[in-house]
mmCIF file of all heavy atoms, coordinates in Angstrom:
data_MODEL
# 
_entry.id   MODEL 
# 
loop_
_atom_site.group_PDB 
_atom_site.id 
_atom_site.type_symbol 
_atom_site.label_atom_id 
_atom_site.label_alt_id 
_atom_site.label_comp_id 
_atom_site.label_asym_id 
_atom_site.label_entity_id 
_atom_site.label_seq_id 
_atom_site.pdbx_PDB_ins_code 
_atom_site.Cartn_x 
_atom_site.Cartn_y 
_atom_site.Cartn_z 
_atom_site.occupancy 
_atom_site.B_iso_or_equiv 
_atom_site.pdbx_formal_charge 
_atom_site.auth_seq_id 
_atom_site.auth_comp_id 
_atom_site.auth_asym_id 
_atom_site.auth_atom_id 
_atom_site.pdbx_PDB_model_num 
ATOM 1   N N   . GLN A 1 1  ? 89.513 -59.603 169.039 1.00 0.00 ? 1  GLN A N   1 
ATOM 2   C CA  . GLN A 1 1  ? 90.041 -60.959 169.248 1.00 0.00 ? 1  GLN A CA  1 
ATOM 3   C C   . GLN A 1 1  ? 88.991 -62.058 169.182 1.00 0.00 ? 1  GLN A C   1 
ATOM 4   O O   . GLN A 1 1  ? 89.216 -63.053 168.562 1.00 0.00 ? 1  GLN A O   1 
ATOM 5   C CB  . GLN A 1 1  ? 90.803 -60.995 170.545 1.00 0.00 ? 1  GLN A CB  1 
ATOM 6   C CG  . GLN A 1 1  ? 91.657 -62.207 170.722 1.00 0.00 ? 1  GLN A CG  1 
ATOM 7   C CD  . GLN A 1 1  ? 92.500 -62.231 172.025 1.00 0.00 ? 1  GLN A CD  1 
ATOM 8   O OE1 . GLN A 1 1  ? 92.215 -63.043 172.922 1.00 0.00 ? 1  GLN A OE1 1 
ATOM 9   N NE2 . GLN A 1 1  ? 93.406 -61.317 172.123 1.00 0.00 ? 1  GLN A NE2 1 
ATOM 10  N N   . ALA A 1 2  ? 87.864 -61.777 169.846 1.00 0.00 ? 2  ALA A N   1 
ATOM 11  C CA  . ALA A 1 2  ? 86.854 -62.818 169.875 1.00 0.00 ? 2  ALA A CA  1 
ATOM 12  C C   . ALA A 1 2  ? 86.250 -63.085 168.549 1.00 0.00 ? 2  ALA A C   1 
ATOM 13  O O   . ALA A 1 2  ? 86.149 -64.298 168.097 1.00 0.00 ? 2  ALA A O   1 
ATOM 14  C CB  . ALA A 1 2  ? 85.703 -62.369 170.873 1.00 0.00 ? 2  ALA A CB  1 
ATOM 15  N N   . ILE A 1 3  ? 86.005 -62.085 167.730 1.00 0.00 ? 3  ILE A N   1 
ATOM 16  C CA  . ILE A 1 3  ? 85.372 -62.354 166.403 1.00 0.00 ? 3  ILE A CA  1 
ATOM 17  C C   . ILE A 1 3  ? 86.466 -62.913 165.492 1.00 0.00 ? 3  ILE A C   1 
ATOM 18  O O   . ILE A 1 3  ? 86.206 -63.800 164.638 1.00 0.00 ? 3  ILE A O   1 
ATOM 19  C CB  . ILE A 1 3  ? 84.678 -61.056 165.793 1.00 0.00 ? 3  ILE A CB  1 
ATOM 20  C CG1 . ILE A 1 3  ? 83.897 -61.444 164.577 1.00 0.00 ? 3  ILE A CG1 1 
ATOM 21  C CG2 . ILE A 1 3  ? 85.789 -60.067 165.479 1.00 0.00 ? 3  ILE A CG2 1 
ATOM 22  C CD1 . ILE A 1 3  ? 82.819 -62.517 164.888 1.00 0.00 ? 3  ILE A CD1 1 
ATOM 23  N N   . LEU A 1 4  ? 87.732 -62.442 165.555 1.00 0.00 ? 4  LEU A N   1 
ATOM 24  C CA  . LEU A 1 4  ? 88.707 -63.083 164.780 1.00 0.00 ? 4  LEU A CA  1 
ATOM 25  C C   . LEU A 1 4  ? 88.958 -64.563 165.099 1.00 0.00 ? 4  LEU A C   1 
ATOM 26  O O   . LEU A 1 4  ? 89.215 -65.391 164.154 1.00 0.00 ? 4  LEU A O   1 
ATOM 27  C CB  . LEU A 1 4  ? 90.032 -62.298 164.949 1.00 0.00 ? 4  LEU A CB  1 
ATOM 28  C CG  . LEU A 1 4  ? 91.248 -62.855 164.073 1.00 0.00 ? 4  LEU A CG  1 
ATOM 29  C CD1 . LEU A 1 4  ? 90.885 -62.758 162.543 1.00 0.00 ? 4  LEU A CD1 1 
ATOM 30  C CD2 . LEU A 1 4  ? 92.558 -62.005 164.333 1.00 0.00 ? 4  LEU A CD2 1 
ATOM 31  N N   . THR A 1 5  ? 88.790 -64.915 166.339 1.00 0.00 ? 5  THR A N   1 
ATOM 32  C CA  . THR A 1 5  ? 88.899 -66.363 166.742 1.00 0.00 ? 5  THR A CA  1 
ATOM 33  C C   . THR A 1 5  ? 87.784 -67.193 165.991 1.00 0.00 ? 5  THR A C   1 
ATOM 34  O O   . THR A 1 5  ? 88.010 -68.257 165.452 1.00 0.00 ? 5  THR A O   1 
ATOM 35  C CB  . THR A 1 5  ? 88.738 -66.504 168.180 1.00 0.00 ? 5  THR A CB  1 
ATOM 36  O OG1 . THR A 1 5  ? 89.782 -65.777 168.891 1.00 0.00 ? 5  THR A OG1 1 
ATOM 37  C CG2 . THR A 1 5  ? 88.768 -68.002 168.700 1.00 0.00 ? 5  THR A CG2 1 
ATOM 38  N N   . ARG A 1 6  ? 86.564 -66.629 165.982 1.00 0.00 ? 6  ARG A N   1 
ATOM 39  C CA  . ARG A 1 6  ? 85.508 -67.308 165.354 1.00 0.00 ? 6  ARG A CA  1 
ATOM 40  C C   . ARG A 1 6  ? 85.721 -67.440 163.840 1.00 0.00 ? 6  ARG A C   1 
ATOM 41  O O   . ARG A 1 6  ? 85.450 -68.484 163.249 1.00 0.00 ? 6  ARG A O   1 
ATOM 42  C CB  . ARG A 1 6  ? 84.142 -66.607 165.593 1.00 0.00 ? 6  ARG A CB  1 
ATOM 43  C CG  . ARG A 1 6  ? 83.756 -66.568 167.058 1.00 0.00 ? 6  ARG A CG  1 
ATOM 44  C CD  . ARG A 1 6  ? 82.571 -65.654 167.380 1.00 0.00 ? 6  ARG A CD  1 
ATOM 45  N NE  . ARG A 1 6  ? 81.362 -66.072 166.609 1.00 0.00 ? 6  ARG A NE  1 
ATOM 46  C CZ  . ARG A 1 6  ? 80.229 -65.402 166.612 1.00 0.00 ? 6  ARG A CZ  1 
ATOM 47  N NH1 . ARG A 1 6  ? 80.182 -64.212 167.229 1.00 0.00 ? 6  ARG A NH1 1 
ATOM 48  N NH2 . ARG A 1 6  ? 79.204 -65.802 165.971 1.00 0.00 ? 6  ARG A NH2 1 
ATOM 49  N N   . LEU A 1 7  ? 86.236 -66.360 163.224 1.00 0.00 ? 7  LEU A N   1 
ATOM 50  C CA  . LEU A 1 7  ? 86.553 -66.372 161.804 1.00 0.00 ? 7  LEU A CA  1 
ATOM 51  C C   . LEU A 1 7  ? 87.560 -67.455 161.471 1.00 0.00 ? 7  LEU A C   1 
ATOM 52  O O   . LEU A 1 7  ? 87.564 -68.127 160.480 1.00 0.00 ? 7  LEU A O   1 
ATOM 53  C CB  . LEU A 1 7  ? 86.893 -65.019 161.267 1.00 0.00 ? 7  LEU A CB  1 
ATOM 54  C CG  . LEU A 1 7  ? 85.781 -63.915 161.380 1.00 0.00 ? 7  LEU A CG  1 
ATOM 55  C CD1 . LEU A 1 7  ? 86.350 -62.610 161.079 1.00 0.00 ? 7  LEU A CD1 1 
ATOM 56  C CD2 . LEU A 1 7  ? 84.594 -64.258 160.445 1.00 0.00 ? 7  LEU A CD2 1 
ATOM 57  N N   . LEU A 1 8  ? 88.685 -67.388 162.210 1.00 0.00 ? 8  LEU A N   1 
ATOM 58  C CA  . LEU A 1 8  ? 89.782 -68.282 162.033 1.00 0.00 ? 8  LEU A CA  1 
ATOM 59  C C   . LEU A 1 8  ? 89.359 -69.806 162.261 1.00 0.00 ? 8  LEU A C   1 
ATOM 60  O O   . LEU A 1 8  ? 89.854 -70.704 161.693 1.00 0.00 ? 8  LEU A O   1 
ATOM 61  C CB  . LEU A 1 8  ? 90.979 -67.959 162.931 1.00 0.00 ? 8  LEU A CB  1 
ATOM 62  C CG  . LEU A 1 8  ? 91.771 -66.717 162.543 1.00 0.00 ? 8  LEU A CG  1 
ATOM 63  C CD1 . LEU A 1 8  ? 92.720 -66.325 163.660 1.00 0.00 ? 8  LEU A CD1 1 
ATOM 64  C CD2 . LEU A 1 8  ? 92.415 -66.778 161.212 1.00 0.00 ? 8  LEU A CD2 1 
ATOM 65  N N   . ASN A 1 9  ? 88.341 -69.993 163.095 1.00 0.00 ? 9  ASN A N   1 
ATOM 66  C CA  . ASN A 1 9  ? 87.813 -71.321 163.262 1.00 0.00 ? 9  ASN A CA  1 
ATOM 67  C C   . ASN A 1 9  ? 86.790 -71.700 162.203 1.00 0.00 ? 9  ASN A C   1 
ATOM 68  O O   . ASN A 1 9  ? 86.306 -72.807 162.214 1.00 0.00 ? 9  ASN A O   1 
ATOM 69  C CB  . ASN A 1 9  ? 87.085 -71.415 164.632 1.00 0.00 ? 9  ASN A CB  1 
ATOM 70  C CG  . ASN A 1 9  ? 88.060 -71.382 165.792 1.00 0.00 ? 9  ASN A CG  1 
ATOM 71  O OD1 . ASN A 1 9  ? 89.178 -71.831 165.623 1.00 0.00 ? 9  ASN A OD1 1 
ATOM 72  N ND2 . ASN A 1 9  ? 87.655 -70.982 167.005 1.00 0.00 ? 9  ASN A ND2 1 
ATOM 73  N N   . GLY A 1 10 ? 86.603 -70.889 161.216 1.00 0.00 ? 10 GLY A N   1 
ATOM 74  C CA  . GLY A 1 10 ? 85.780 -71.182 160.046 1.00 0.00 ? 10 GLY A CA  1 
ATOM 75  C C   . GLY A 1 10 ? 84.295 -71.021 160.189 1.00 0.00 ? 10 GLY A C   1 
ATOM 76  O O   . GLY A 1 10 ? 83.518 -71.587 159.425 1.00 0.00 ? 10 GLY A O   1 
ATOM 77  N N   . GLU A 1 11 ? 83.900 -70.260 161.202 1.00 0.00 ? 11 GLU A N   1 
ATOM 78  C CA  . GLU A 1 11 ? 82.393 -70.024 161.343 1.00 0.00 ? 11 GLU A CA  1 
ATOM 79  C C   . GLU A 1 11 ? 81.924 -69.231 160.218 1.00 0.00 ? 11 GLU A C   1 
ATOM 80  O O   . GLU A 1 11 ? 82.562 -68.180 159.875 1.00 0.00 ? 11 GLU A O   1 
ATOM 81  C CB  . GLU A 1 11 ? 82.227 -69.294 162.668 1.00 0.00 ? 11 GLU A CB  1 
ATOM 82  C CG  . GLU A 1 11 ? 80.738 -69.290 163.140 1.00 0.00 ? 11 GLU A CG  1 
ATOM 83  C CD  . GLU A 1 11 ? 80.542 -68.706 164.560 1.00 0.00 ? 11 GLU A CD  1 
ATOM 84  O OE1 . GLU A 1 11 ? 81.485 -68.843 165.341 1.00 0.00 ? 11 GLU A OE1 1 
ATOM 85  O OE2 . GLU A 1 11 ? 79.398 -68.191 164.851 1.00 0.00 ? 11 GLU A OE2 1 
ATOM 86  N N   . THR A 1 12 ? 80.850 -69.669 159.554 1.00 0.00 ? 12 THR A N   1 
ATOM 87  C CA  . THR A 1 12 ? 80.441 -69.008 158.300 1.00 0.00 ? 12 THR A CA  1 
ATOM 88  C C   . THR A 1 12 ? 79.669 -67.736 158.540 1.00 0.00 ? 12 THR A C   1 
ATOM 89  O O   . THR A 1 12 ? 78.452 -67.624 158.164 1.00 0.00 ? 12 THR A O   1 
ATOM 90  C CB  . THR A 1 12 ? 79.588 -70.066 157.447 1.00 0.00 ? 12 THR A CB  1 
ATOM 91  O OG1 . THR A 1 12 ? 78.500 -70.544 158.207 1.00 0.00 ? 12 THR A OG1 1 
ATOM 92  C CG2 . THR A 1 12 ? 80.417 -71.160 156.944 1.00 0.00 ? 12 THR A CG2 1 
ATOM 93  N N   . LEU A 1 13 ? 80.411 -66.739 159.052 1.00 0.00 ? 13 LEU A N   1 
ATOM 94  C CA  . LEU A 1 13 ? 79.804 -65.448 159.228 1.00 0.00 ? 13 LEU A CA  1 
ATOM 95  C C   . LEU A 1 13 ? 79.994 -64.593 157.983 1.00 0.00 ? 13 LEU A C   1 
ATOM 96  O O   . LEU A 1 13 ? 80.852 -64.964 157.140 1.00 0.00 ? 13 LEU A O   1 
ATOM 97  C CB  . LEU A 1 13 ? 80.493 -64.752 160.384 1.00 0.00 ? 13 LEU A CB  1 
ATOM 98  C CG  . LEU A 1 13 ? 80.300 -65.460 161.736 1.00 0.00 ? 13 LEU A CG  1 
ATOM 99  C CD1 . LEU A 1 13 ? 81.343 -65.067 162.812 1.00 0.00 ? 13 LEU A CD1 1 
ATOM 100 C CD2 . LEU A 1 13 ? 78.892 -65.206 162.290 1.00 0.00 ? 13 LEU A CD2 1 
ATOM 101 N N   . PRO A 1 14 ? 79.326 -63.489 157.791 1.00 0.00 ? 14 PRO A N   1 
ATOM 102 C CA  . PRO A 1 14 ? 79.487 -62.660 156.587 1.00 0.00 ? 14 PRO A CA  1 
ATOM 103 C C   . PRO A 1 14 ? 80.973 -62.317 156.347 1.00 0.00 ? 14 PRO A C   1 
ATOM 104 O O   . PRO A 1 14 ? 81.395 -62.309 155.172 1.00 0.00 ? 14 PRO A O   1 
ATOM 105 C CB  . PRO A 1 14 ? 78.629 -61.471 156.889 1.00 0.00 ? 14 PRO A CB  1 
ATOM 106 C CG  . PRO A 1 14 ? 77.451 -61.999 157.745 1.00 0.00 ? 14 PRO A CG  1 
ATOM 107 C CD  . PRO A 1 14 ? 78.138 -63.040 158.675 1.00 0.00 ? 14 PRO A CD  1 
ATOM 108 N N   . ALA A 1 15 ? 81.734 -62.042 157.340 1.00 0.00 ? 15 ALA A N   1 
ATOM 109 C CA  . ALA A 1 15 ? 83.093 -61.630 157.165 1.00 0.00 ? 15 ALA A CA  1 
ATOM 110 C C   . ALA A 1 15 ? 83.920 -62.744 156.546 1.00 0.00 ? 15 ALA A C   1 
ATOM 111 O O   . ALA A 1 15 ? 84.991 -62.456 155.984 1.00 0.00 ? 15 ALA A O   1 
ATOM 112 C CB  . ALA A 1 15 ? 83.672 -61.039 158.443 1.00 0.00 ? 15 ALA A CB  1 
ATOM 113 N N   . LEU A 1 16 ? 83.479 -63.976 156.794 1.00 0.00 ? 16 LEU A N   1 
ATOM 114 C CA  . LEU A 1 16 ? 84.259 -65.090 156.240 1.00 0.00 ? 16 LEU A CA  1 
ATOM 115 C C   . LEU A 1 16 ? 83.735 -65.380 154.805 1.00 0.00 ? 16 LEU A C   1 
ATOM 116 O O   . LEU A 1 16 ? 84.456 -65.795 153.947 1.00 0.00 ? 16 LEU A O   1 
ATOM 117 C CB  . LEU A 1 16 ? 84.033 -66.321 157.080 1.00 0.00 ? 16 LEU A CB  1 
ATOM 118 C CG  . LEU A 1 16 ? 84.871 -67.572 156.609 1.00 0.00 ? 16 LEU A CG  1 
ATOM 119 C CD1 . LEU A 1 16 ? 86.324 -67.357 156.726 1.00 0.00 ? 16 LEU A CD1 1 
ATOM 120 C CD2 . LEU A 1 16 ? 84.472 -68.759 157.457 1.00 0.00 ? 16 LEU A CD2 1 
ATOM 121 N N   . ARG A 1 17 ? 82.427 -65.113 154.581 1.00 0.00 ? 17 ARG A N   1 
ATOM 122 C CA  . ARG A 1 17 ? 81.865 -65.413 153.267 1.00 0.00 ? 17 ARG A CA  1 
ATOM 123 C C   . ARG A 1 17 ? 82.289 -64.327 152.223 1.00 0.00 ? 17 ARG A C   1 
ATOM 124 O O   . ARG A 1 17 ? 82.222 -64.608 151.030 1.00 0.00 ? 17 ARG A O   1 
ATOM 125 C CB  . ARG A 1 17 ? 80.367 -65.434 153.382 1.00 0.00 ? 17 ARG A CB  1 
ATOM 126 C CG  . ARG A 1 17 ? 79.801 -66.674 154.144 1.00 0.00 ? 17 ARG A CG  1 
ATOM 127 C CD  . ARG A 1 17 ? 78.363 -66.701 154.259 1.00 0.00 ? 17 ARG A CD  1 
ATOM 128 N NE  . ARG A 1 17 ? 77.754 -66.687 152.948 1.00 0.00 ? 17 ARG A NE  1 
ATOM 129 C CZ  . ARG A 1 17 ? 76.409 -66.748 152.772 1.00 0.00 ? 17 ARG A CZ  1 
ATOM 130 N NH1 . ARG A 1 17 ? 75.645 -66.639 153.790 1.00 0.00 ? 17 ARG A NH1 1 
ATOM 131 N NH2 . ARG A 1 17 ? 75.876 -66.772 151.496 1.00 0.00 ? 17 ARG A NH2 1 
ATOM 132 N N   . ALA A 1 18 ? 82.721 -63.237 152.705 1.00 0.00 ? 18 ALA A N   1 
ATOM 133 C CA  . ALA A 1 18 ? 83.111 -62.138 151.753 1.00 0.00 ? 18 ALA A CA  1 
ATOM 134 C C   . ALA A 1 18 ? 84.506 -62.447 151.226 1.00 0.00 ? 18 ALA A C   1 
ATOM 135 O O   . ALA A 1 18 ? 85.458 -62.433 152.002 1.00 0.00 ? 18 ALA A O   1 
ATOM 136 C CB  . ALA A 1 18 ? 83.140 -60.818 152.477 1.00 0.00 ? 18 ALA A CB  1 
ATOM 137 N N   . ARG A 1 19 ? 84.659 -62.756 149.988 1.00 0.00 ? 19 ARG A N   1 
ATOM 138 C CA  . ARG A 1 19 ? 85.853 -63.110 149.360 1.00 0.00 ? 19 ARG A CA  1 
ATOM 139 C C   . ARG A 1 19 ? 86.021 -62.416 147.950 1.00 0.00 ? 19 ARG A C   1 
ATOM 140 O O   . ARG A 1 19 ? 85.019 -62.303 147.282 1.00 0.00 ? 19 ARG A O   1 
ATOM 141 C CB  . ARG A 1 19 ? 86.002 -64.638 149.079 1.00 0.00 ? 19 ARG A CB  1 
ATOM 142 C CG  . ARG A 1 19 ? 85.879 -65.483 150.335 1.00 0.00 ? 19 ARG A CG  1 
ATOM 143 C CD  . ARG A 1 19 ? 87.152 -65.522 151.149 1.00 0.00 ? 19 ARG A CD  1 
ATOM 144 N NE  . ARG A 1 19 ? 87.032 -66.341 152.320 1.00 0.00 ? 19 ARG A NE  1 
ATOM 145 C CZ  . ARG A 1 19 ? 87.204 -67.706 152.375 1.00 0.00 ? 19 ARG A CZ  1 
ATOM 146 N NH1 . ARG A 1 19 ? 87.632 -68.247 151.257 1.00 0.00 ? 19 ARG A NH1 1 
ATOM 147 N NH2 . ARG A 1 19 ? 87.090 -68.410 153.444 1.00 0.00 ? 19 ARG A NH2 1 
ATOM 148 N N   . SER A 1 20 ? 87.219 -62.009 147.657 1.00 0.00 ? 20 SER A N   1 
ATOM 149 C CA  . SER A 1 20 ? 87.477 -61.490 146.398 1.00 0.00 ? 20 SER A CA  1 
ATOM 150 C C   . SER A 1 20 ? 87.579 -62.624 145.298 1.00 0.00 ? 20 SER A C   1 
ATOM 151 O O   . SER A 1 20 ? 88.020 -63.704 145.674 1.00 0.00 ? 20 SER A O   1 
ATOM 152 C CB  . SER A 1 20 ? 88.803 -60.701 146.345 1.00 0.00 ? 20 SER A CB  1 
ATOM 153 O OG  . SER A 1 20 ? 89.234 -60.348 145.057 1.00 0.00 ? 20 SER A OG  1 
ATOM 154 N N   . ASN A 1 21 ? 87.244 -62.352 144.080 1.00 0.00 ? 21 ASN A N   1 
ATOM 155 C CA  . ASN A 1 21 ? 87.485 -63.237 142.986 1.00 0.00 ? 21 ASN A CA  1 
ATOM 156 C C   . ASN A 1 21 ? 88.983 -63.220 142.646 1.00 0.00 ? 21 ASN A C   1 
ATOM 157 O O   . ASN A 1 21 ? 89.447 -64.088 141.967 1.00 0.00 ? 21 ASN A O   1 
ATOM 158 C CB  . ASN A 1 21 ? 86.711 -62.774 141.710 1.00 0.00 ? 21 ASN A CB  1 
ATOM 159 C CG  . ASN A 1 21 ? 85.187 -63.084 141.970 1.00 0.00 ? 21 ASN A CG  1 
ATOM 160 O OD1 . ASN A 1 21 ? 84.795 -63.943 142.724 1.00 0.00 ? 21 ASN A OD1 1 
ATOM 161 N ND2 . ASN A 1 21 ? 84.359 -62.288 141.251 1.00 0.00 ? 21 ASN A ND2 1 
ATOM 162 N N   . GLY A 1 22 ? 89.724 -62.274 143.241 1.00 0.00 ? 22 GLY A N   1 
ATOM 163 C CA  . GLY A 1 22 ? 91.215 -62.209 143.075 1.00 0.00 ? 22 GLY A CA  1 
ATOM 164 C C   . GLY A 1 22 ? 91.765 -62.600 144.387 1.00 0.00 ? 22 GLY A C   1 
ATOM 165 O O   . GLY A 1 22 ? 91.783 -63.829 144.732 1.00 0.00 ? 22 GLY A O   1 
ATOM 166 N N   . GLU A 1 23 ? 92.377 -61.645 145.122 1.00 0.00 ? 23 GLU A N   1 
ATOM 167 C CA  . GLU A 1 23 ? 93.069 -61.964 146.356 1.00 0.00 ? 23 GLU A CA  1 
ATOM 168 C C   . GLU A 1 23 ? 92.317 -61.374 147.540 1.00 0.00 ? 23 GLU A C   1 
ATOM 169 O O   . GLU A 1 23 ? 91.835 -60.261 147.508 1.00 0.00 ? 23 GLU A O   1 
ATOM 170 C CB  . GLU A 1 23 ? 94.456 -61.313 146.264 1.00 0.00 ? 23 GLU A CB  1 
ATOM 171 C CG  . GLU A 1 23 ? 95.381 -61.578 147.517 1.00 0.00 ? 23 GLU A CG  1 
ATOM 172 C CD  . GLU A 1 23 ? 96.730 -61.064 147.415 1.00 0.00 ? 23 GLU A CD  1 
ATOM 173 O OE1 . GLU A 1 23 ? 96.979 -60.171 146.603 1.00 0.00 ? 23 GLU A OE1 1 
ATOM 174 O OE2 . GLU A 1 23 ? 97.641 -61.574 148.164 1.00 0.00 ? 23 GLU A OE2 1 
ATOM 175 N N   . THR A 1 24 ? 92.202 -62.218 148.627 1.00 0.00 ? 24 THR A N   1 
ATOM 176 C CA  . THR A 1 24 ? 91.620 -61.754 149.797 1.00 0.00 ? 24 THR A CA  1 
ATOM 177 C C   . THR A 1 24 ? 92.661 -61.781 150.999 1.00 0.00 ? 24 THR A C   1 
ATOM 178 O O   . THR A 1 24 ? 93.330 -62.797 151.197 1.00 0.00 ? 24 THR A O   1 
ATOM 179 C CB  . THR A 1 24 ? 90.425 -62.682 150.310 1.00 0.00 ? 24 THR A CB  1 
ATOM 180 O OG1 . THR A 1 24 ? 89.484 -62.650 149.223 1.00 0.00 ? 24 THR A OG1 1 
ATOM 181 C CG2 . THR A 1 24 ? 89.760 -62.152 151.505 1.00 0.00 ? 24 THR A CG2 1 
ATOM 182 N N   . VAL A 1 25 ? 92.822 -60.671 151.658 1.00 0.00 ? 25 VAL A N   1 
ATOM 183 C CA  . VAL A 1 25 ? 93.846 -60.511 152.686 1.00 0.00 ? 25 VAL A CA  1 
ATOM 184 C C   . VAL A 1 25 ? 93.153 -60.102 153.973 1.00 0.00 ? 25 VAL A C   1 
ATOM 185 O O   . VAL A 1 25 ? 92.418 -59.176 154.053 1.00 0.00 ? 25 VAL A O   1 
ATOM 186 C CB  . VAL A 1 25 ? 94.909 -59.472 152.279 1.00 0.00 ? 25 VAL A CB  1 
ATOM 187 C CG1 . VAL A 1 25 ? 95.913 -59.240 153.402 1.00 0.00 ? 25 VAL A CG1 1 
ATOM 188 C CG2 . VAL A 1 25 ? 95.626 -59.857 151.011 1.00 0.00 ? 25 VAL A CG2 1 
ATOM 189 N N   . TRP A 1 26 ? 93.519 -60.819 155.116 1.00 0.00 ? 26 TRP A N   1 
ATOM 190 C CA  . TRP A 1 26 ? 93.151 -60.362 156.398 1.00 0.00 ? 26 TRP A CA  1 
ATOM 191 C C   . TRP A 1 26 ? 94.367 -59.743 157.028 1.00 0.00 ? 26 TRP A C   1 
ATOM 192 O O   . TRP A 1 26 ? 95.358 -60.397 157.273 1.00 0.00 ? 26 TRP A O   1 
ATOM 193 C CB  . TRP A 1 26 ? 92.689 -61.531 157.211 1.00 0.00 ? 26 TRP A CB  1 
ATOM 194 C CG  . TRP A 1 26 ? 91.375 -62.101 156.832 1.00 0.00 ? 26 TRP A CG  1 
ATOM 195 C CD1 . TRP A 1 26 ? 90.534 -61.603 155.988 1.00 0.00 ? 26 TRP A CD1 1 
ATOM 196 C CD2 . TRP A 1 26 ? 90.729 -63.252 157.451 1.00 0.00 ? 26 TRP A CD2 1 
ATOM 197 N NE1 . TRP A 1 26 ? 89.406 -62.463 155.934 1.00 0.00 ? 26 TRP A NE1 1 
ATOM 198 C CE2 . TRP A 1 26 ? 89.438 -63.363 156.823 1.00 0.00 ? 26 TRP A CE2 1 
ATOM 199 C CE3 . TRP A 1 26 ? 91.045 -64.186 158.373 1.00 0.00 ? 26 TRP A CE3 1 
ATOM 200 C CZ2 . TRP A 1 26 ? 88.646 -64.418 157.063 1.00 0.00 ? 26 TRP A CZ2 1 
ATOM 201 C CZ3 . TRP A 1 26 ? 90.202 -65.230 158.699 1.00 0.00 ? 26 TRP A CZ3 1 
ATOM 202 C CH2 . TRP A 1 26 ? 88.975 -65.366 158.056 1.00 0.00 ? 26 TRP A CH2 1 
ATOM 203 N N   . LEU A 1 27 ? 94.390 -58.495 157.274 1.00 0.00 ? 27 LEU A N   1 
ATOM 204 C CA  . LEU A 1 27 ? 95.515 -57.723 157.839 1.00 0.00 ? 27 LEU A CA  1 
ATOM 205 C C   . LEU A 1 27 ? 95.089 -57.469 159.316 1.00 0.00 ? 27 LEU A C   1 
ATOM 206 O O   . LEU A 1 27 ? 94.113 -56.654 159.563 1.00 0.00 ? 27 LEU A O   1 
ATOM 207 C CB  . LEU A 1 27 ? 95.764 -56.430 157.063 1.00 0.00 ? 27 LEU A CB  1 
ATOM 208 C CG  . LEU A 1 27 ? 96.797 -55.490 157.526 1.00 0.00 ? 27 LEU A CG  1 
ATOM 209 C CD1 . LEU A 1 27 ? 98.213 -56.194 157.667 1.00 0.00 ? 27 LEU A CD1 1 
ATOM 210 C CD2 . LEU A 1 27 ? 96.888 -54.300 156.648 1.00 0.00 ? 27 LEU A CD2 1 
ATOM 211 N N   . VAL A 1 28 ? 95.742 -58.088 160.240 1.00 0.00 ? 28 VAL A N   1 
ATOM 212 C CA  . VAL A 1 28 ? 95.440 -57.952 161.631 1.00 0.00 ? 28 VAL A CA  1 
ATOM 213 C C   . VAL A 1 28 ? 96.651 -57.489 162.431 1.00 0.00 ? 28 VAL A C   1 
ATOM 214 O O   . VAL A 1 28 ? 97.786 -57.651 162.047 1.00 0.00 ? 28 VAL A O   1 
ATOM 215 C CB  . VAL A 1 28 ? 94.910 -59.304 162.127 1.00 0.00 ? 28 VAL A CB  1 
ATOM 216 C CG1 . VAL A 1 28 ? 93.844 -59.916 161.308 1.00 0.00 ? 28 VAL A CG1 1 
ATOM 217 C CG2 . VAL A 1 28 ? 96.081 -60.347 162.253 1.00 0.00 ? 28 VAL A CG2 1 
ATOM 218 N N   . ASP A 1 29 ? 96.368 -56.886 163.594 1.00 0.00 ? 29 ASP A N   1 
ATOM 219 C CA  . ASP A 1 29 ? 97.478 -56.539 164.467 1.00 0.00 ? 29 ASP A CA  1 
ATOM 220 C C   . ASP A 1 29 ? 97.591 -57.546 165.584 1.00 0.00 ? 29 ASP A C   1 
ATOM 221 O O   . ASP A 1 29 ? 96.726 -58.461 165.809 1.00 0.00 ? 29 ASP A O   1 
ATOM 222 C CB  . ASP A 1 29 ? 97.321 -55.084 164.961 1.00 0.00 ? 29 ASP A CB  1 
ATOM 223 C CG  . ASP A 1 29 ? 96.213 -54.900 165.970 1.00 0.00 ? 29 ASP A CG  1 
ATOM 224 O OD1 . ASP A 1 29 ? 95.426 -55.826 166.208 1.00 0.00 ? 29 ASP A OD1 1 
ATOM 225 O OD2 . ASP A 1 29 ? 96.095 -53.795 166.526 1.00 0.00 ? 29 ASP A OD2 1 
# 
């Protein structure tokens, strides 16, 4: 939950910088 909060807030961490040239999906519970 803590790291997802940071990512949703747009913090430029590697998991946010990783994007597909096609479709990028965040599947969360």
